[in-house]
């Protein structure tokens, strides 16, 4: 039983970390939108990574 709890905590921590990383990608692409050629691609990539990680986080919490 304790092993399942530890696994659940690890998954939750991992998805929180990935969500924060995706949020960093989104913020940096917005702040440097005019300076980068591929800012739109990074914005879309950050949204996709963050969305999927949030989905997995809520799936784990349930």
N, C-alpha and C. Protein backbone atom coordinates (compact mmCIF):
# COMPACT_ATOMS: atom_id res chain seq x y z
N UNK A 1 0.82 -1.19 0.00
CA UNK A 1 0.00 0.00 0.00
C UNK A 1 0.86 1.25 0.00
N UNK A 2 1.94 1.25 0.77
CA UNK A 2 2.82 2.41 0.85
C UNK A 2 3.53 2.66 -0.48
N UNK A 3 3.83 1.57 -1.19
CA UNK A 3 4.51 1.70 -2.47
C UNK A 3 3.60 2.41 -3.50
N UNK A 4 2.32 2.13 -3.46
CA UNK A 4 1.37 2.80 -4.35
C UNK A 4 1.28 4.28 -4.02
N UNK A 5 1.33 4.64 -2.74
CA UNK A 5 1.30 6.02 -2.32
C UNK A 5 2.53 6.77 -2.82
N UNK A 6 3.70 6.12 -2.69
CA UNK A 6 4.95 6.73 -3.14
C UNK A 6 4.94 6.94 -4.65
N UNK A 7 4.42 5.97 -5.38
CA UNK A 7 4.33 6.08 -6.83
C UNK A 7 3.41 7.22 -7.22
N UNK A 8 2.30 7.35 -6.52
CA UNK A 8 1.34 8.42 -6.81
C UNK A 8 1.97 9.79 -6.52
N UNK A 9 2.71 9.91 -5.42
CA UNK A 9 3.38 11.17 -5.09
C UNK A 9 4.42 11.51 -6.15
N UNK A 10 5.18 10.51 -6.61
CA UNK A 10 6.19 10.73 -7.62
C UNK A 10 5.56 11.21 -8.93
N UNK A 11 4.47 10.57 -9.33
CA UNK A 11 3.78 10.97 -10.56
C UNK A 11 3.25 12.39 -10.46
N UNK A 12 2.68 12.73 -9.31
CA UNK A 12 2.16 14.08 -9.12
C UNK A 12 3.29 15.10 -9.17
N UNK A 13 4.39 14.82 -8.52
CA UNK A 13 5.54 15.73 -8.54
C UNK A 13 6.13 15.89 -9.93
N UNK A 14 6.21 14.79 -10.64
CA UNK A 14 6.75 14.82 -12.01
C UNK A 14 5.88 15.69 -12.91
N UNK A 15 4.57 15.52 -12.84
CA UNK A 15 3.68 16.29 -13.70
C UNK A 15 3.62 17.76 -13.30
N UNK A 16 3.78 18.06 -12.02
CA UNK A 16 3.88 19.45 -11.61
C UNK A 16 5.14 20.08 -12.19
N UNK A 17 6.26 19.36 -12.14
CA UNK A 17 7.52 19.86 -12.70
C UNK A 17 7.39 20.10 -14.20
N UNK A 18 6.82 19.17 -14.92
CA UNK A 18 6.65 19.31 -16.37
C UNK A 18 5.72 20.47 -16.69
N UNK A 19 4.67 20.66 -15.90
CA UNK A 19 3.75 21.77 -16.12
C UNK A 19 4.46 23.10 -15.90
N UNK A 20 5.28 23.20 -14.86
CA UNK A 20 6.04 24.43 -14.63
C UNK A 20 7.04 24.69 -15.75
N UNK A 21 7.66 23.63 -16.26
CA UNK A 21 8.58 23.76 -17.39
C UNK A 21 7.84 24.28 -18.62
N UNK A 22 6.67 23.75 -18.88
CA UNK A 22 5.86 24.19 -20.02
C UNK A 22 5.43 25.65 -19.84
N UNK A 23 5.10 26.01 -18.61
CA UNK A 23 4.73 27.40 -18.33
C UNK A 23 5.91 28.33 -18.59
N UNK A 24 7.11 27.90 -18.27
CA UNK A 24 8.31 28.67 -18.57
C UNK A 24 8.51 28.84 -20.07
N UNK A 25 8.26 27.80 -20.83
CA UNK A 25 8.37 27.88 -22.29
C UNK A 25 7.35 28.88 -22.83
N UNK A 26 6.13 28.83 -22.32
CA UNK A 26 5.08 29.73 -22.78
C UNK A 26 5.43 31.18 -22.46
N UNK A 27 5.87 31.44 -21.23
CA UNK A 27 6.21 32.80 -20.84
C UNK A 27 7.39 33.34 -21.63
N UNK A 28 8.41 32.52 -21.84
CA UNK A 28 9.57 32.99 -22.60
C UNK A 28 9.23 33.23 -24.07
N UNK A 29 8.34 32.43 -24.63
CA UNK A 29 7.98 32.65 -26.03
C UNK A 29 7.10 33.89 -26.19
N UNK A 30 6.28 34.19 -25.18
CA UNK A 30 5.47 35.40 -25.24
C UNK A 30 6.34 36.64 -25.06
N UNK A 31 7.28 36.58 -24.10
CA UNK A 31 8.11 37.75 -23.84
C UNK A 31 9.08 38.04 -24.99
N UNK A 32 9.52 37.02 -25.71
CA UNK A 32 10.44 37.22 -26.82
C UNK A 32 9.79 37.00 -28.17
N UNK A 33 8.50 37.30 -28.27
CA UNK A 33 7.75 36.99 -29.49
C UNK A 33 8.32 37.71 -30.71
N UNK A 34 8.70 38.95 -30.58
CA UNK A 34 9.20 39.70 -31.72
C UNK A 34 10.64 39.39 -32.07
N UNK A 35 11.39 38.84 -31.14
CA UNK A 35 12.81 38.59 -31.35
C UNK A 35 13.11 37.21 -31.95
N UNK A 36 12.21 36.26 -31.75
CA UNK A 36 12.46 34.90 -32.23
C UNK A 36 11.64 34.62 -33.49
N UNK A 37 12.21 33.82 -34.35
CA UNK A 37 11.50 33.43 -35.57
C UNK A 37 10.47 32.34 -35.28
N UNK A 38 10.75 31.50 -34.29
CA UNK A 38 9.88 30.35 -34.02
C UNK A 38 9.10 30.49 -32.73
N UNK A 39 8.74 31.70 -32.36
CA UNK A 39 8.03 31.91 -31.09
C UNK A 39 6.67 31.23 -31.09
N UNK A 40 5.98 31.24 -32.21
CA UNK A 40 4.66 30.61 -32.28
C UNK A 40 4.77 29.10 -32.08
N UNK A 41 5.80 28.51 -32.65
CA UNK A 41 6.00 27.07 -32.49
C UNK A 41 6.25 26.72 -31.03
N UNK A 42 7.08 27.52 -30.35
CA UNK A 42 7.36 27.26 -28.94
C UNK A 42 6.12 27.49 -28.08
N UNK A 43 5.31 28.45 -28.44
CA UNK A 43 4.07 28.71 -27.71
C UNK A 43 3.12 27.52 -27.83
N UNK A 44 2.95 27.01 -29.03
CA UNK A 44 2.09 25.85 -29.25
C UNK A 44 2.65 24.62 -28.55
N UNK A 45 3.96 24.43 -28.62
CA UNK A 45 4.61 23.29 -27.97
C UNK A 45 4.42 23.36 -26.45
N UNK A 46 4.57 24.54 -25.87
CA UNK A 46 4.37 24.70 -24.43
C UNK A 46 2.95 24.42 -24.01
N UNK A 47 1.99 24.87 -24.82
CA UNK A 47 0.58 24.62 -24.50
C UNK A 47 0.27 23.13 -24.58
N UNK A 48 0.78 22.45 -25.59
CA UNK A 48 0.52 21.01 -25.73
C UNK A 48 1.16 20.21 -24.59
N UNK A 49 2.40 20.53 -24.27
CA UNK A 49 3.07 19.81 -23.18
C UNK A 49 2.38 20.09 -21.85
N UNK A 50 2.07 21.35 -21.59
CA UNK A 50 1.41 21.71 -20.34
C UNK A 50 0.02 21.11 -20.23
N UNK A 51 -0.73 21.13 -21.31
CA UNK A 51 -2.08 20.56 -21.29
C UNK A 51 -2.07 19.07 -21.04
N UNK A 52 -1.17 18.38 -21.70
CA UNK A 52 -1.14 16.92 -21.50
C UNK A 52 -0.65 16.57 -20.10
N UNK A 53 0.28 17.35 -19.57
CA UNK A 53 0.77 17.08 -18.22
C UNK A 53 -0.30 17.39 -17.17
N UNK A 54 -1.05 18.47 -17.37
CA UNK A 54 -2.16 18.76 -16.45
C UNK A 54 -3.22 17.68 -16.50
N UNK A 55 -3.51 17.18 -17.69
CA UNK A 55 -4.49 16.09 -17.83
C UNK A 55 -4.02 14.86 -17.05
N UNK A 56 -2.76 14.49 -17.21
CA UNK A 56 -2.23 13.34 -16.50
C UNK A 56 -2.20 13.57 -14.99
N UNK A 57 -1.93 14.81 -14.57
CA UNK A 57 -1.93 15.13 -13.15
C UNK A 57 -3.31 14.91 -12.55
N UNK A 58 -4.34 15.45 -13.19
CA UNK A 58 -5.71 15.28 -12.68
C UNK A 58 -6.16 13.83 -12.75
N UNK A 59 -5.68 13.11 -13.75
CA UNK A 59 -6.00 11.70 -13.86
C UNK A 59 -5.35 10.92 -12.70
N UNK A 60 -4.16 11.31 -12.30
CA UNK A 60 -3.47 10.66 -11.19
C UNK A 60 -4.15 10.98 -9.86
N UNK A 61 -4.59 12.23 -9.71
CA UNK A 61 -5.23 12.63 -8.46
C UNK A 61 -6.51 11.86 -8.22
N UNK A 62 -7.25 11.60 -9.26
CA UNK A 62 -8.50 10.84 -9.11
C UNK A 62 -8.17 9.46 -8.73
